[in-house]
Amino acid sequence: MSSSPYLPEASALSGWRKSSYSGASNGNCVEVSAAYPGAVPVRDSKDPKGPALVFDVAAWSAFVAAVRHGEFD
């Protein structure tokens, strides 16, 4: 896991991709990057130069699985 829970400037990383749950409106979008070894950075697409939260891979995988199973509906 990352020693820091966030990156102050997310634009320092490349390879950002939007969540498939963001929809077609491009409004409230979450993006993730695979460019951070051993962790998953997550940012708000409306603020690409802003901060990104950094999650442990296992924690992020558990969150995504819960979303897919409708646990937050």
N, C-alpha and C. Protein backbone atom coordinates (compact mmCIF):
# COMPACT_ATOMS: atom_id res chain seq x y z
N MET A 1 0.84 -1.19 0.00
CA MET A 1 0.00 0.00 0.00
C MET A 1 0.88 1.24 0.00
N SER A 2 0.34 2.29 -0.52
CA SER A 2 1.05 3.55 -0.56
C SER A 2 1.26 4.08 0.85
N SER A 3 2.38 4.80 1.06
CA SER A 3 2.61 5.40 2.36
C SER A 3 1.78 6.67 2.54
N SER A 4 1.23 7.19 1.46
CA SER A 4 0.40 8.38 1.51
C SER A 4 -1.01 8.05 1.05
N PRO A 5 -2.04 8.51 1.77
CA PRO A 5 -3.42 8.20 1.37
C PRO A 5 -3.91 9.04 0.19
N TYR A 6 -3.10 9.98 -0.26
CA TYR A 6 -3.51 10.79 -1.41
C TYR A 6 -2.29 11.31 -2.16
N LEU A 7 -2.54 11.68 -3.40
CA LEU A 7 -1.53 12.36 -4.21
C LEU A 7 -1.98 13.80 -4.36
N PRO A 8 -1.18 14.77 -4.00
CA PRO A 8 -1.62 16.16 -4.08
C PRO A 8 -1.95 16.63 -5.49
N GLU A 9 -1.25 16.08 -6.50
CA GLU A 9 -1.52 16.48 -7.88
C GLU A 9 -1.64 15.22 -8.75
N ALA A 10 -2.88 14.83 -9.01
CA ALA A 10 -3.16 13.60 -9.75
C ALA A 10 -2.67 13.63 -11.18
N SER A 11 -2.52 14.80 -11.76
CA SER A 11 -2.09 14.90 -13.15
C SER A 11 -0.66 14.41 -13.34
N ALA A 12 0.07 14.17 -12.26
CA ALA A 12 1.43 13.64 -12.36
C ALA A 12 1.42 12.21 -12.89
N LEU A 13 0.28 11.52 -12.80
CA LEU A 13 0.16 10.15 -13.29
C LEU A 13 -0.50 10.14 -14.66
N SER A 14 -0.24 9.09 -15.41
CA SER A 14 -0.87 8.94 -16.71
C SER A 14 -1.83 7.76 -16.68
N GLY A 15 -2.51 7.53 -17.79
CA GLY A 15 -3.36 6.35 -17.92
C GLY A 15 -4.66 6.38 -17.15
N TRP A 16 -5.22 7.55 -16.93
CA TRP A 16 -6.49 7.65 -16.22
C TRP A 16 -7.62 7.14 -17.11
N ARG A 17 -8.56 6.41 -16.49
CA ARG A 17 -9.75 5.94 -17.23
C ARG A 17 -10.97 6.13 -16.36
N LYS A 18 -12.09 6.46 -17.02
CA LYS A 18 -13.34 6.71 -16.29
C LYS A 18 -14.04 5.42 -15.91
N SER A 19 -14.77 5.49 -14.85
CA SER A 19 -15.59 4.38 -14.40
C SER A 19 -16.69 4.10 -15.41
N SER A 20 -16.99 2.84 -15.61
CA SER A 20 -18.09 2.47 -16.51
C SER A 20 -19.44 2.86 -15.90
N TYR A 21 -19.46 3.18 -14.62
CA TYR A 21 -20.69 3.61 -13.95
C TYR A 21 -20.93 5.11 -14.09
N SER A 22 -20.03 5.83 -14.76
CA SER A 22 -20.15 7.27 -14.88
C SER A 22 -21.29 7.70 -15.80
N GLY A 23 -21.67 6.86 -16.72
CA GLY A 23 -22.77 7.19 -17.61
C GLY A 23 -22.34 8.08 -18.76
N ALA A 24 -23.28 8.40 -19.62
CA ALA A 24 -22.99 9.15 -20.84
C ALA A 24 -22.92 10.66 -20.62
N SER A 25 -23.45 11.15 -19.52
CA SER A 25 -23.51 12.60 -19.30
C SER A 25 -22.16 13.22 -18.96
N ASN A 26 -21.17 12.41 -18.62
CA ASN A 26 -19.84 12.89 -18.23
C ASN A 26 -19.90 13.87 -17.06
N GLY A 27 -20.87 13.71 -16.20
CA GLY A 27 -21.04 14.59 -15.05
C GLY A 27 -20.17 14.17 -13.88
N ASN A 28 -20.73 13.43 -12.96
CA ASN A 28 -20.03 13.00 -11.76
C ASN A 28 -19.22 11.74 -12.07
N CYS A 29 -17.98 11.92 -12.48
CA CYS A 29 -17.17 10.79 -12.93
C CYS A 29 -16.00 10.52 -11.99
N VAL A 30 -15.73 9.27 -11.82
CA VAL A 30 -14.57 8.82 -11.06
C VAL A 30 -13.60 8.21 -12.06
N GLU A 31 -12.32 8.53 -11.90
CA GLU A 31 -11.29 7.95 -12.76
C GLU A 31 -10.27 7.23 -11.90
N VAL A 32 -9.70 6.16 -12.45
CA VAL A 32 -8.64 5.41 -11.78
C VAL A 32 -7.44 5.33 -12.72
N SER A 33 -6.27 5.11 -12.15
CA SER A 33 -5.05 4.97 -12.94
C SER A 33 -4.32 3.70 -12.54
N ALA A 34 -3.74 3.05 -13.51
CA ALA A 34 -2.93 1.85 -13.26
C ALA A 34 -1.45 2.20 -13.16
N ALA A 35 -1.13 3.48 -13.13
CA ALA A 35 0.26 3.92 -13.17
C ALA A 35 0.90 4.07 -11.80
N TYR A 36 0.31 3.48 -10.78
CA TYR A 36 0.83 3.60 -9.42
C TYR A 36 1.00 2.20 -8.87
N PRO A 37 2.19 1.63 -8.92
CA PRO A 37 2.41 0.23 -8.52
C PRO A 37 1.94 -0.09 -7.11
N GLY A 38 1.15 -1.15 -6.99
CA GLY A 38 0.70 -1.63 -5.69
C GLY A 38 -0.45 -0.91 -5.07
N ALA A 39 -1.03 0.07 -5.78
CA ALA A 39 -2.14 0.84 -5.22
C ALA A 39 -3.01 1.34 -6.37
N VAL A 40 -4.19 1.87 -6.00
CA VAL A 40 -5.12 2.38 -7.00
C VAL A 40 -5.45 3.84 -6.68
N PRO A 41 -4.92 4.77 -7.47
CA PRO A 41 -5.28 6.17 -7.29
C PRO A 41 -6.65 6.44 -7.93
N VAL A 42 -7.46 7.25 -7.26
CA VAL A 42 -8.81 7.58 -7.71
C VAL A 42 -8.97 9.10 -7.65
N ARG A 43 -9.50 9.68 -8.75
CA ARG A 43 -9.68 11.13 -8.78
C ARG A 43 -11.04 11.49 -9.36
N ASP A 44 -11.42 12.73 -9.16
CA ASP A 44 -12.63 13.31 -9.74
C ASP A 44 -12.26 13.82 -11.13
N SER A 45 -12.95 13.36 -12.16
CA SER A 45 -12.61 13.76 -13.53
C SER A 45 -12.79 15.26 -13.77
N LYS A 46 -13.60 15.92 -12.98
CA LYS A 46 -13.80 17.36 -13.15
C LYS A 46 -12.61 18.17 -12.64
N ASP A 47 -11.70 17.52 -11.90
CA ASP A 47 -10.55 18.20 -11.32
C ASP A 47 -9.28 17.38 -11.59
N PRO A 48 -8.88 17.25 -12.87
CA PRO A 48 -7.75 16.39 -13.22
C PRO A 48 -6.40 16.82 -12.64
N LYS A 49 -6.27 18.08 -12.25
CA LYS A 49 -5.02 18.53 -11.65
C LYS A 49 -5.09 18.52 -10.13
N GLY A 50 -6.25 18.17 -9.60
CA GLY A 50 -6.44 18.13 -8.16
C GLY A 50 -5.88 16.86 -7.55
N PRO A 51 -6.21 16.60 -6.31
CA PRO A 51 -5.67 15.43 -5.62
C PRO A 51 -6.36 14.13 -6.04
N ALA A 52 -5.70 13.03 -5.74
CA ALA A 52 -6.26 11.70 -5.93
C ALA A 52 -6.12 10.94 -4.62
N LEU A 53 -7.16 10.22 -4.26
CA LEU A 53 -7.07 9.32 -3.12
C LEU A 53 -6.36 8.06 -3.58
N VAL A 54 -5.58 7.44 -2.71
CA VAL A 54 -4.83 6.24 -3.07
C VAL A 54 -5.30 5.10 -2.16
N PHE A 55 -5.79 4.03 -2.80
CA PHE A 55 -6.31 2.88 -2.07
C PHE A 55 -5.45 1.65 -2.29
N ASP A 56 -5.37 0.83 -1.27
CA ASP A 56 -4.74 -0.48 -1.37
C ASP A 56 -5.50 -1.29 -2.42
N VAL A 57 -4.80 -2.09 -3.23
CA VAL A 57 -5.43 -2.86 -4.29
C VAL A 57 -6.53 -3.76 -3.76
N ALA A 58 -6.31 -4.45 -2.66
CA ALA A 58 -7.32 -5.36 -2.10
C ALA A 58 -8.55 -4.59 -1.64
N ALA A 59 -8.36 -3.45 -1.03
CA ALA A 59 -9.50 -2.64 -0.57
C ALA A 59 -10.30 -2.12 -1.76
N TRP A 60 -9.61 -1.66 -2.81
CA TRP A 60 -10.31 -1.17 -3.99
C TRP A 60 -11.08 -2.31 -4.66
N SER A 61 -10.48 -3.47 -4.77
CA SER A 61 -11.15 -4.63 -5.37
C SER A 61 -12.41 -5.01 -4.60
N ALA A 62 -12.33 -4.97 -3.28
CA ALA A 62 -13.50 -5.28 -2.45
C ALA A 62 -14.60 -4.24 -2.67
N PHE A 63 -14.25 -2.98 -2.78
CA PHE A 63 -15.22 -1.91 -3.03
C PHE A 63 -15.90 -2.12 -4.38
N VAL A 64 -15.12 -2.38 -5.42
CA VAL A 64 -15.68 -2.58 -6.77
C VAL A 64 -16.61 -3.79 -6.77
N ALA A 65 -16.23 -4.86 -6.10
CA ALA A 65 -17.08 -6.05 -6.03
C ALA A 65 -18.41 -5.72 -5.33
N ALA A 66 -18.35 -4.93 -4.28
CA ALA A 66 -19.57 -4.54 -3.57
C ALA A 66 -20.48 -3.69 -4.45
N VAL A 67 -19.89 -2.78 -5.23
CA VAL A 67 -20.68 -1.96 -6.16
C VAL A 67 -21.36 -2.86 -7.18
N ARG A 68 -20.61 -3.79 -7.74
CA ARG A 68 -21.17 -4.69 -8.75
C ARG A 68 -22.30 -5.55 -8.21
N HIS A 69 -22.24 -5.87 -6.92
CA HIS A 69 -23.29 -6.70 -6.30
C HIS A 69 -24.44 -5.87 -5.76
N GLY A 70 -24.42 -4.55 -6.00
CA GLY A 70 -25.53 -3.70 -5.61
C GLY A 70 -25.61 -3.38 -4.13
N GLU A 71 -24.52 -3.52 -3.41
CA GLU A 71 -24.54 -3.30 -1.96
C GLU A 71 -24.73 -1.84 -1.56
N PHE A 72 -24.63 -0.91 -2.50
CA PHE A 72 -24.80 0.50 -2.19
C PHE A 72 -26.04 1.09 -2.84
N ASP A 73 -26.86 0.25 -3.45
CA ASP A 73 -28.08 0.72 -4.12
C ASP A 73 -29.14 1.09 -3.11
